[in-house]
Amino acid sequence: MLSAAGITQATQLAWGDEMRIGLYYDHVRRVWAPRGVKVRQPRQMERSWRYLALAVDVRAGTLAWCWVANMKGETLAEAVRHWQAQGCQAVVWDGARGHHAPAVRQVGMTLIQQPPYAPELNPAERVFEELRQAIEGEMYATIEAKVAAVDRELTQLAATPERVRRLTGWHWIHAACQQLPETMLDP
């Protein structure tokens, strides 16, 4: 699949995806309390959100991210341009509707579609799991405060490429990348 798309070992390949970050917080968590004490947990019911567009280069252990307002093609095209400016040459992502919009294809980056309904195949999902562990369970006054918290976590993670590689560098991805040709042969 990768070599058929023109990917070589020298190609800066990333796996991309989006995560919705919002203020709507209605999760009741189990907590320990003395018998007879009623536990009151805060709830936040504001419907406000942003989308984190993340690209993970598994081999280099680097992250490229930006914030988008929605999942429309024109908006995602800006995210792809941002990833391209960060050095990404090809991205593997799912078949979301906005991923195949004409505006996204016009950016000129190689886009590779992964199988549908398979988040376990996308290393970006592992980064999202780490982010959820770090930010969930806390109340944020504004969406900007939550975005800032996510940015802090991503910055810390991006500062340690070895941690990113351990988190996202599955053996089958490395095996597939090692089988890629070093350069593309002219037909």
N, C-alpha and C. Protein backbone atom coordinates (compact mmCIF):
# COMPACT_ATOMS: atom_id res chain seq x y z
N MET A 1 0.83 -1.19 0.00
CA MET A 1 0.00 0.00 0.00
C MET A 1 0.87 1.26 0.00
N LEU A 2 1.91 1.31 0.86
CA LEU A 2 2.74 2.49 0.94
C LEU A 2 3.59 2.67 -0.32
N SER A 3 4.23 1.58 -0.76
CA SER A 3 5.08 1.71 -1.95
C SER A 3 4.25 2.00 -3.20
N ALA A 4 3.03 1.50 -3.25
CA ALA A 4 2.14 1.77 -4.38
C ALA A 4 1.79 3.26 -4.45
N ALA A 5 1.83 3.94 -3.32
CA ALA A 5 1.54 5.37 -3.27
C ALA A 5 2.79 6.22 -3.53
N GLY A 6 3.91 5.57 -3.82
CA GLY A 6 5.13 6.31 -4.10
C GLY A 6 5.96 6.64 -2.86
N ILE A 7 5.70 5.98 -1.76
CA ILE A 7 6.42 6.24 -0.52
C ILE A 7 7.73 5.47 -0.54
N THR A 8 8.82 6.12 -0.17
CA THR A 8 10.12 5.48 -0.05
C THR A 8 10.59 5.60 1.40
N GLN A 9 11.75 5.01 1.68
CA GLN A 9 12.30 5.10 3.04
C GLN A 9 12.66 6.54 3.39
N ALA A 10 12.92 7.37 2.40
CA ALA A 10 13.30 8.75 2.66
C ALA A 10 12.09 9.68 2.84
N THR A 11 10.90 9.20 2.52
CA THR A 11 9.70 10.02 2.63
C THR A 11 9.36 10.29 4.09
N GLN A 12 9.06 11.54 4.40
CA GLN A 12 8.60 11.89 5.75
C GLN A 12 7.12 11.52 5.83
N LEU A 13 6.87 10.35 6.41
CA LEU A 13 5.54 9.77 6.48
C LEU A 13 4.97 9.95 7.87
N ALA A 14 3.72 10.37 7.96
CA ALA A 14 3.06 10.55 9.25
C ALA A 14 1.69 9.92 9.22
N TRP A 15 1.21 9.58 10.39
CA TRP A 15 -0.16 9.11 10.57
C TRP A 15 -0.93 10.26 11.20
N GLY A 16 -2.06 10.62 10.63
CA GLY A 16 -2.81 11.77 11.11
C GLY A 16 -4.22 11.41 11.54
N ASP A 17 -4.76 12.27 12.39
CA ASP A 17 -6.14 12.12 12.82
C ASP A 17 -6.54 13.38 13.57
N GLU A 18 -7.82 13.45 13.92
CA GLU A 18 -8.34 14.59 14.66
C GLU A 18 -8.99 14.10 15.95
N MET A 19 -8.93 14.96 16.95
CA MET A 19 -9.55 14.67 18.24
C MET A 19 -10.36 15.88 18.65
N ARG A 20 -11.61 15.65 19.01
CA ARG A 20 -12.46 16.75 19.45
C ARG A 20 -12.21 17.01 20.93
N ILE A 21 -11.90 18.25 21.25
CA ILE A 21 -11.67 18.69 22.63
C ILE A 21 -12.80 19.65 22.97
N GLY A 22 -13.53 19.33 24.03
CA GLY A 22 -14.66 20.19 24.37
C GLY A 22 -14.80 20.41 25.86
N LEU A 23 -15.75 21.28 26.21
CA LEU A 23 -16.01 21.59 27.60
C LEU A 23 -17.16 20.79 28.17
N TYR A 24 -17.90 20.10 27.35
CA TYR A 24 -19.03 19.32 27.84
C TYR A 24 -18.48 18.17 28.66
N TYR A 25 -18.67 18.23 29.96
CA TYR A 25 -18.10 17.24 30.86
C TYR A 25 -19.20 16.73 31.77
N ASP A 26 -19.67 15.54 31.50
CA ASP A 26 -20.77 14.97 32.27
C ASP A 26 -20.41 13.57 32.77
N HIS A 27 -19.12 13.31 32.93
CA HIS A 27 -18.68 12.00 33.38
C HIS A 27 -18.67 11.95 34.90
N VAL A 28 -19.34 11.00 35.45
CA VAL A 28 -19.29 10.79 36.89
C VAL A 28 -18.30 9.67 37.13
N ARG A 29 -17.28 9.97 37.91
CA ARG A 29 -16.24 9.00 38.18
C ARG A 29 -16.44 8.37 39.55
N ARG A 30 -16.02 7.14 39.69
CA ARG A 30 -16.08 6.48 40.99
C ARG A 30 -14.96 7.03 41.86
N VAL A 31 -15.29 7.36 43.07
CA VAL A 31 -14.30 7.87 44.01
C VAL A 31 -14.53 7.22 45.38
N TRP A 32 -13.47 7.16 46.17
CA TRP A 32 -13.57 6.64 47.52
C TRP A 32 -14.06 7.75 48.43
N ALA A 33 -14.95 7.40 49.33
CA ALA A 33 -15.45 8.36 50.33
C ALA A 33 -15.87 7.57 51.56
N PRO A 34 -15.82 8.20 52.71
CA PRO A 34 -16.29 7.51 53.92
C PRO A 34 -17.76 7.14 53.79
N ARG A 35 -18.14 6.07 54.43
CA ARG A 35 -19.52 5.61 54.40
C ARG A 35 -20.43 6.70 54.95
N GLY A 36 -21.51 6.96 54.23
CA GLY A 36 -22.48 7.96 54.66
C GLY A 36 -22.21 9.36 54.14
N VAL A 37 -21.07 9.58 53.50
CA VAL A 37 -20.74 10.90 52.96
C VAL A 37 -21.15 10.94 51.49
N LYS A 38 -21.98 11.90 51.15
CA LYS A 38 -22.43 12.03 49.76
C LYS A 38 -21.34 12.75 48.96
N VAL A 39 -20.93 12.13 47.88
CA VAL A 39 -19.89 12.71 47.02
C VAL A 39 -20.57 13.59 45.98
N ARG A 40 -20.09 14.80 45.87
CA ARG A 40 -20.60 15.72 44.85
C ARG A 40 -19.47 16.00 43.87
N GLN A 41 -19.76 15.68 42.63
CA GLN A 41 -18.77 15.91 41.60
C GLN A 41 -19.25 17.02 40.68
N PRO A 42 -18.33 17.91 40.28
CA PRO A 42 -18.73 19.00 39.40
C PRO A 42 -19.07 18.48 38.00
N ARG A 43 -19.99 19.16 37.38
CA ARG A 43 -20.37 18.85 36.00
C ARG A 43 -20.33 20.13 35.20
N GLN A 44 -19.92 20.00 33.98
CA GLN A 44 -19.84 21.15 33.09
C GLN A 44 -20.67 20.83 31.86
N MET A 45 -21.62 21.68 31.54
CA MET A 45 -22.56 21.36 30.47
C MET A 45 -22.46 22.32 29.28
N GLU A 46 -21.38 23.05 29.17
CA GLU A 46 -21.22 23.98 28.05
C GLU A 46 -20.79 23.22 26.80
N ARG A 47 -21.49 23.44 25.72
CA ARG A 47 -21.15 22.78 24.45
C ARG A 47 -20.26 23.69 23.62
N SER A 48 -18.98 23.56 23.85
CA SER A 48 -17.98 24.35 23.15
C SER A 48 -16.80 23.42 22.87
N TRP A 49 -16.28 23.42 21.62
CA TRP A 49 -15.19 22.52 21.31
C TRP A 49 -14.33 23.03 20.17
N ARG A 50 -13.18 22.39 20.04
CA ARG A 50 -12.24 22.59 18.94
C ARG A 50 -11.72 21.21 18.54
N TYR A 51 -11.11 21.15 17.38
CA TYR A 51 -10.53 19.91 16.91
C TYR A 51 -9.01 20.04 16.86
N LEU A 52 -8.35 19.04 17.43
CA LEU A 52 -6.90 18.95 17.37
C LEU A 52 -6.55 18.10 16.16
N ALA A 53 -5.85 18.68 15.19
CA ALA A 53 -5.39 17.93 14.02
C ALA A 53 -3.93 17.57 14.28
N LEU A 54 -3.67 16.27 14.38
CA LEU A 54 -2.35 15.78 14.79
C LEU A 54 -1.77 14.85 13.75
N ALA A 55 -0.48 15.03 13.46
CA ALA A 55 0.26 14.12 12.58
C ALA A 55 1.45 13.59 13.37
N VAL A 56 1.63 12.27 13.36
CA VAL A 56 2.68 11.61 14.11
C VAL A 56 3.63 10.93 13.14
N ASP A 57 4.90 11.34 13.16
CA ASP A 57 5.94 10.66 12.38
C ASP A 57 6.52 9.60 13.31
N VAL A 58 6.13 8.37 13.10
CA VAL A 58 6.48 7.26 13.97
C VAL A 58 7.99 7.01 13.98
N ARG A 59 8.62 7.10 12.81
CA ARG A 59 10.05 6.78 12.72
C ARG A 59 10.91 7.84 13.39
N ALA A 60 10.57 9.11 13.21
CA ALA A 60 11.36 10.19 13.80
C ALA A 60 10.91 10.51 15.23
N GLY A 61 9.71 10.12 15.58
CA GLY A 61 9.19 10.44 16.90
C GLY A 61 8.79 11.90 17.04
N THR A 62 8.30 12.47 15.95
CA THR A 62 7.91 13.88 15.97
C THR A 62 6.40 14.03 15.85
N LEU A 63 5.92 15.16 16.35
CA LEU A 63 4.50 15.50 16.29
C LEU A 63 4.34 16.84 15.59
N ALA A 64 3.31 16.95 14.78
CA ALA A 64 2.92 18.23 14.18
C ALA A 64 1.43 18.39 14.45
N TRP A 65 1.03 19.53 15.00
CA TRP A 65 -0.38 19.70 15.32
C TRP A 65 -0.82 21.14 15.12
N CYS A 66 -2.10 21.29 14.94
CA CYS A 66 -2.72 22.60 14.88
C CYS A 66 -4.18 22.43 15.28
N TRP A 67 -4.83 23.55 15.55
CA TRP A 67 -6.22 23.53 15.99
C TRP A 67 -7.11 24.00 14.85
N VAL A 68 -8.21 23.27 14.64
CA VAL A 68 -9.16 23.65 13.60
C VAL A 68 -10.55 23.75 14.21
N ALA A 69 -11.39 24.54 13.58
CA ALA A 69 -12.73 24.79 14.11
C ALA A 69 -13.72 23.69 13.76
N ASN A 70 -13.48 23.00 12.63
CA ASN A 70 -14.44 21.98 12.21
C ASN A 70 -13.73 20.96 11.33
N MET A 71 -14.48 20.02 10.81
CA MET A 71 -13.91 18.94 10.00
C MET A 71 -14.21 19.12 8.51
N LYS A 72 -14.50 20.33 8.10
CA LYS A 72 -14.78 20.59 6.69
C LYS A 72 -13.48 20.55 5.89
N GLY A 73 -13.62 20.23 4.62
CA GLY A 73 -12.45 20.09 3.75
C GLY A 73 -11.55 21.31 3.71
N GLU A 74 -12.13 22.50 3.61
CA GLU A 74 -11.33 23.71 3.52
C GLU A 74 -10.52 23.92 4.81
N THR A 75 -11.12 23.61 5.93
CA THR A 75 -10.44 23.75 7.22
C THR A 75 -9.34 22.71 7.35
N LEU A 76 -9.62 21.46 6.97
CA LEU A 76 -8.61 20.42 7.05
C LEU A 76 -7.46 20.65 6.08
N ALA A 77 -7.74 21.32 4.97
CA ALA A 77 -6.67 21.66 4.03
C ALA A 77 -5.64 22.56 4.70
N GLU A 78 -6.09 23.46 5.57
CA GLU A 78 -5.15 24.32 6.31
C GLU A 78 -4.29 23.48 7.24
N ALA A 79 -4.88 22.47 7.88
CA ALA A 79 -4.12 21.58 8.76
C ALA A 79 -3.08 20.81 7.95
N VAL A 80 -3.45 20.31 6.77
CA VAL A 80 -2.51 19.58 5.93
C VAL A 80 -1.38 20.49 5.48
N ARG A 81 -1.70 21.74 5.15
CA ARG A 81 -0.64 22.71 4.79
C ARG A 81 0.31 22.93 5.98
N HIS A 82 -0.26 22.99 7.16
CA HIS A 82 0.57 23.16 8.37
C HIS A 82 1.51 21.97 8.54
N TRP A 83 0.96 20.75 8.39
CA TRP A 83 1.80 19.56 8.50
C TRP A 83 2.89 19.56 7.43
N GLN A 84 2.53 20.00 6.23
CA GLN A 84 3.48 20.06 5.13
C GLN A 84 4.60 21.05 5.46
N ALA A 85 4.26 22.17 6.05
CA ALA A 85 5.26 23.16 6.45
C ALA A 85 6.18 22.61 7.53
N GLN A 86 5.69 21.65 8.31
CA GLN A 86 6.50 21.02 9.36
C GLN A 86 7.38 19.89 8.80
N GLY A 87 7.31 19.64 7.49
CA GLY A 87 8.17 18.64 6.86
C GLY A 87 7.48 17.35 6.45
N CYS A 88 6.22 17.22 6.74
CA CYS A 88 5.48 16.00 6.39
C CYS A 88 5.26 15.96 4.88
N GLN A 89 5.57 14.81 4.26
CA GLN A 89 5.39 14.67 2.82
C GLN A 89 4.22 13.76 2.45
N ALA A 90 3.82 12.89 3.37
CA ALA A 90 2.70 11.98 3.13
C ALA A 90 2.02 11.70 4.45
N VAL A 91 0.71 11.50 4.39
CA VAL A 91 -0.04 11.22 5.61
C VAL A 91 -0.99 10.04 5.38
N VAL A 92 -1.02 9.16 6.39
CA VAL A 92 -1.94 8.03 6.40
C VAL A 92 -3.03 8.41 7.38
N TRP A 93 -4.29 8.39 6.91
CA TRP A 93 -5.40 8.69 7.81
C TRP A 93 -6.65 7.99 7.36
N ASP A 94 -7.71 8.12 8.16
CA ASP A 94 -8.93 7.37 7.89
C ASP A 94 -9.74 8.01 6.77
N GLY A 95 -10.90 7.46 6.52
CA GLY A 95 -11.72 7.92 5.41
C GLY A 95 -12.76 8.94 5.77
N ALA A 96 -12.49 9.79 6.75
CA ALA A 96 -13.46 10.83 7.10
C ALA A 96 -13.78 11.68 5.88
N ARG A 97 -14.98 12.18 5.84
CA ARG A 97 -15.46 12.90 4.66
C ARG A 97 -14.55 14.08 4.29
N GLY A 98 -14.14 14.86 5.26
CA GLY A 98 -13.30 16.02 4.99
C GLY A 98 -11.91 15.68 4.48
N HIS A 99 -11.45 14.45 4.75
CA HIS A 99 -10.11 14.04 4.31
C HIS A 99 -10.01 13.91 2.80
N HIS A 100 -11.15 13.76 2.12
CA HIS A 100 -11.13 13.55 0.68
C HIS A 100 -11.71 14.73 -0.09
N ALA A 101 -11.85 15.85 0.58
CA ALA A 101 -12.40 17.04 -0.07
C ALA A 101 -11.42 17.55 -1.13
N PRO A 102 -11.92 18.18 -2.18
CA PRO A 102 -11.04 18.72 -3.21
C PRO A 102 -10.00 19.68 -2.66
N ALA A 103 -10.37 20.49 -1.67
CA ALA A 103 -9.40 21.44 -1.10
C ALA A 103 -8.23 20.72 -0.45
N VAL A 104 -8.47 19.58 0.16
CA VAL A 104 -7.40 18.80 0.81
C VAL A 104 -6.51 18.18 -0.27
N ARG A 105 -7.10 17.62 -1.31
CA ARG A 105 -6.31 17.00 -2.37
C ARG A 105 -5.47 18.02 -3.13
N GLN A 106 -5.95 19.26 -3.21
CA GLN A 106 -5.22 20.30 -3.94
C GLN A 106 -3.96 20.75 -3.21
N VAL A 107 -3.82 20.42 -1.95
CA VAL A 107 -2.61 20.79 -1.20
C VAL A 107 -1.38 20.15 -1.83
N GLY A 108 -1.55 18.95 -2.37
CA GLY A 108 -0.44 18.30 -3.07
C GLY A 108 0.32 17.29 -2.22
N MET A 109 -0.14 17.00 -1.04
CA MET A 109 0.52 15.99 -0.21
C MET A 109 -0.03 14.62 -0.58
N THR A 110 0.82 13.60 -0.48
CA THR A 110 0.37 12.24 -0.72
C THR A 110 -0.53 11.82 0.44
N LEU A 111 -1.74 11.41 0.11
CA LEU A 111 -2.73 11.00 1.11
C LEU A 111 -3.01 9.52 0.95
N ILE A 112 -2.87 8.76 2.02
CA ILE A 112 -3.08 7.32 2.00
C ILE A 112 -4.20 7.00 2.97
N GLN A 113 -5.20 6.31 2.49
CA GLN A 113 -6.35 5.98 3.33
C GLN A 113 -6.13 4.65 4.02
N GLN A 114 -6.32 4.65 5.35
CA GLN A 114 -6.24 3.39 6.09
C GLN A 114 -7.62 2.75 6.11
N PRO A 115 -7.70 1.49 6.49
CA PRO A 115 -8.99 0.81 6.49
C PRO A 115 -10.00 1.52 7.40
N PRO A 116 -11.27 1.50 7.03
CA PRO A 116 -12.28 2.16 7.86
C PRO A 116 -12.49 1.44 9.19
N TYR A 117 -12.93 2.20 10.18
CA TYR A 117 -13.25 1.67 11.50
C TYR A 117 -12.09 0.90 12.12
N ALA A 118 -10.89 1.44 11.99
CA ALA A 118 -9.71 0.76 12.53
C ALA A 118 -8.80 1.75 13.27
N PRO A 119 -9.30 2.37 14.34
CA PRO A 119 -8.44 3.31 15.07
C PRO A 119 -7.23 2.63 15.69
N GLU A 120 -7.31 1.31 15.91
CA GLU A 120 -6.16 0.61 16.48
C GLU A 120 -4.98 0.56 15.52
N LEU A 121 -5.19 0.90 14.26
CA LEU A 121 -4.10 0.93 13.28
C LEU A 121 -3.44 2.29 13.18
N ASN A 122 -3.97 3.28 13.87
CA ASN A 122 -3.47 4.64 13.75
C ASN A 122 -2.71 5.05 15.01
N PRO A 123 -1.39 5.27 14.90
CA PRO A 123 -0.60 5.66 16.06
C PRO A 123 -1.04 6.99 16.69
N ALA A 124 -1.69 7.85 15.94
CA ALA A 124 -2.17 9.11 16.52
C ALA A 124 -3.17 8.84 17.64
N GLU A 125 -3.90 7.74 17.55
CA GLU A 125 -4.85 7.39 18.61
C GLU A 125 -4.15 7.12 19.93
N ARG A 126 -2.93 6.59 19.88
CA ARG A 126 -2.17 6.36 21.12
C ARG A 126 -1.81 7.69 21.79
N VAL A 127 -1.49 8.68 20.98
CA VAL A 127 -1.20 10.01 21.53
C VAL A 127 -2.47 10.59 22.14
N PHE A 128 -3.60 10.39 21.47
CA PHE A 128 -4.88 10.88 22.02
C PHE A 128 -5.18 10.23 23.36
N GLU A 129 -4.87 8.94 23.51
CA GLU A 129 -5.08 8.27 24.80
C GLU A 129 -4.25 8.94 25.89
N GLU A 130 -3.00 9.26 25.59
CA GLU A 130 -2.13 9.94 26.55
C GLU A 130 -2.70 11.31 26.92
N LEU A 131 -3.20 12.02 25.92
CA LEU A 131 -3.78 13.34 26.19
C LEU A 131 -5.02 13.23 27.07
N ARG A 132 -5.86 12.26 26.78
CA ARG A 132 -7.08 12.09 27.59
C ARG A 132 -6.73 11.79 29.06
N GLN A 133 -5.72 10.96 29.28
CA GLN A 133 -5.30 10.67 30.64
C GLN A 133 -4.83 11.92 31.36
N ALA A 134 -4.17 12.81 30.63
CA ALA A 134 -3.60 14.01 31.24
C ALA A 134 -4.64 15.10 31.50
N ILE A 135 -5.67 15.21 30.65
CA ILE A 135 -6.57 16.36 30.76
C ILE A 135 -7.96 16.04 31.28
N GLU A 136 -8.38 14.77 31.20
CA GLU A 136 -9.73 14.47 31.64
C GLU A 136 -9.83 14.45 33.16
N GLY A 137 -11.02 14.71 33.65
CA GLY A 137 -11.26 14.71 35.08
C GLY A 137 -11.02 16.07 35.72
N GLU A 138 -10.74 17.05 34.90
CA GLU A 138 -10.49 18.41 35.39
C GLU A 138 -11.46 19.37 34.71
N MET A 139 -11.90 20.36 35.44
CA MET A 139 -12.81 21.37 34.89
C MET A 139 -11.97 22.54 34.37
N TYR A 140 -12.34 23.04 33.21
CA TYR A 140 -11.65 24.17 32.60
C TYR A 140 -12.64 25.32 32.46
N ALA A 141 -12.19 26.52 32.78
CA ALA A 141 -13.08 27.68 32.74
C ALA A 141 -13.51 28.03 31.31
N THR A 142 -12.60 27.88 30.37
CA THR A 142 -12.90 28.22 28.97
C THR A 142 -12.29 27.16 28.06
N ILE A 143 -12.74 27.15 26.84
CA ILE A 143 -12.17 26.23 25.86
C ILE A 143 -10.70 26.58 25.60
N GLU A 144 -10.36 27.86 25.68
CA GLU A 144 -8.97 28.28 25.49
C GLU A 144 -8.07 27.71 26.57
N ALA A 145 -8.58 27.62 27.80
CA ALA A 145 -7.79 27.04 28.90
C ALA A 145 -7.54 25.56 28.66
N LYS A 146 -8.54 24.86 28.14
CA LYS A 146 -8.36 23.44 27.86
C LYS A 146 -7.42 23.24 26.68
N VAL A 147 -7.54 24.07 25.66
CA VAL A 147 -6.63 24.00 24.51
C VAL A 147 -5.19 24.25 24.97
N ALA A 148 -5.00 25.21 25.87
CA ALA A 148 -3.66 25.51 26.40
C ALA A 148 -3.11 24.31 27.17
N ALA A 149 -3.97 23.61 27.92
CA ALA A 149 -3.53 22.43 28.66
C ALA A 149 -3.10 21.32 27.70
N VAL A 150 -3.85 21.13 26.63
CA VAL A 150 -3.49 20.12 25.63
C VAL A 150 -2.19 20.52 24.95
N ASP A 151 -2.04 21.79 24.61
CA ASP A 151 -0.79 22.26 23.99
C ASP A 151 0.42 22.00 24.89
N ARG A 152 0.26 22.24 26.20
CA ARG A 152 1.35 21.98 27.14
C ARG A 152 1.73 20.50 27.13
N GLU A 153 0.73 19.64 27.16
CA GLU A 153 1.00 18.19 27.15
C GLU A 153 1.67 17.77 25.85
N LEU A 154 1.20 18.29 24.72
CA LEU A 154 1.80 17.95 23.43
C LEU A 154 3.23 18.45 23.33
N THR A 155 3.48 19.64 23.85
CA THR A 155 4.83 20.21 23.83
C THR A 155 5.78 19.33 24.65
N GLN A 156 5.33 18.88 25.82
CA GLN A 156 6.15 18.00 26.65
C GLN A 156 6.42 16.68 25.94
N LEU A 157 5.39 16.13 25.31
CA LEU A 157 5.55 14.87 24.59
C LEU A 157 6.48 15.04 23.39
N ALA A 158 6.31 16.13 22.65
CA ALA A 158 7.14 16.37 21.47
C ALA A 158 8.60 16.61 21.83
N ALA A 159 8.86 17.03 23.04
CA ALA A 159 10.24 17.28 23.48
C ALA A 159 11.00 15.98 23.73
N THR A 160 10.30 14.87 23.75
CA THR A 160 10.95 13.57 23.97
C THR A 160 10.60 12.61 22.83
N PRO A 161 11.32 12.74 21.70
CA PRO A 161 11.02 11.88 20.54
C PRO A 161 11.10 10.38 20.85
N GLU A 162 11.99 10.01 21.76
CA GLU A 162 12.09 8.59 22.12
C GLU A 162 10.79 8.09 22.76
N ARG A 163 10.16 8.92 23.58
CA ARG A 163 8.88 8.55 24.19
C ARG A 163 7.80 8.40 23.11
N VAL A 164 7.80 9.32 22.15
CA VAL A 164 6.83 9.24 21.05
C VAL A 164 7.05 7.96 20.26
N ARG A 165 8.31 7.62 19.99
CA ARG A 165 8.60 6.39 19.25
C ARG A 165 8.16 5.15 20.04
N ARG A 166 8.39 5.14 21.35
CA ARG A 166 7.95 4.00 22.17
C ARG A 166 6.43 3.89 22.19
N LEU A 167 5.77 5.02 22.23
CA LEU A 167 4.32 5.05 22.32
C LEU A 167 3.66 4.66 21.01
N THR A 168 4.22 5.07 19.90
CA THR A 168 3.56 4.91 18.60
C THR A 168 4.28 3.99 17.62
N GLY A 169 5.50 3.63 17.89
CA GLY A 169 6.30 2.88 16.93
C GLY A 169 6.08 1.39 17.00
N TRP A 170 4.93 0.95 16.52
CA TRP A 170 4.60 -0.47 16.54
C TRP A 170 5.50 -1.23 15.59
N HIS A 171 5.81 -2.46 15.94
CA HIS A 171 6.75 -3.26 15.14
C HIS A 171 6.29 -3.43 13.70
N TRP A 172 5.00 -3.60 13.47
CA TRP A 172 4.53 -3.82 12.10
C TRP A 172 4.68 -2.57 11.24
N ILE A 173 4.64 -1.39 11.85
CA ILE A 173 4.86 -0.16 11.08
C ILE A 173 6.32 -0.08 10.67
N HIS A 174 7.21 -0.35 11.62
CA HIS A 174 8.64 -0.31 11.29
C HIS A 174 8.99 -1.37 10.24
N ALA A 175 8.40 -2.55 10.37
CA ALA A 175 8.67 -3.61 9.38
C ALA A 175 8.19 -3.18 7.99
N ALA A 176 7.00 -2.57 7.92
CA ALA A 176 6.48 -2.11 6.63
C ALA A 176 7.36 -1.00 6.05
N CYS A 177 7.84 -0.11 6.89
CA CYS A 177 8.69 0.99 6.40
C CYS A 177 10.06 0.49 5.95
N GLN A 178 10.58 -0.54 6.62
CA GLN A 178 11.88 -1.08 6.21
C GLN A 178 11.80 -1.79 4.86
N GLN A 179 10.62 -2.26 4.49
CA GLN A 179 10.45 -2.94 3.21
C GLN A 179 10.25 -1.96 2.05
N LEU A 180 10.12 -0.67 2.37
CA LEU A 180 9.94 0.32 1.31
C LEU A 180 11.23 0.46 0.51
N PRO A 181 11.12 0.80 -0.77
CA PRO A 181 12.34 1.01 -1.56
C PRO A 181 13.06 2.28 -1.07
N GLU A 182 14.38 2.28 -1.25
CA GLU A 182 15.15 3.45 -0.82
C GLU A 182 14.82 4.66 -1.69
N THR A 183 14.64 4.42 -2.98
CA THR A 183 14.23 5.49 -3.91
C THR A 183 13.22 4.90 -4.87
N MET A 184 12.44 5.77 -5.49
CA MET A 184 11.48 5.28 -6.48
C MET A 184 12.20 5.09 -7.80
N LEU A 185 11.93 3.95 -8.41
CA LEU A 185 12.53 3.67 -9.70
C LEU A 185 11.69 4.31 -10.78
N ASP A 186 12.33 4.91 -11.76
CA ASP A 186 11.61 5.49 -12.88
C ASP A 186 11.07 4.38 -13.77
N PRO A 187 9.83 4.51 -14.24
CA PRO A 187 9.25 3.44 -15.10
C PRO A 187 9.90 3.38 -16.45
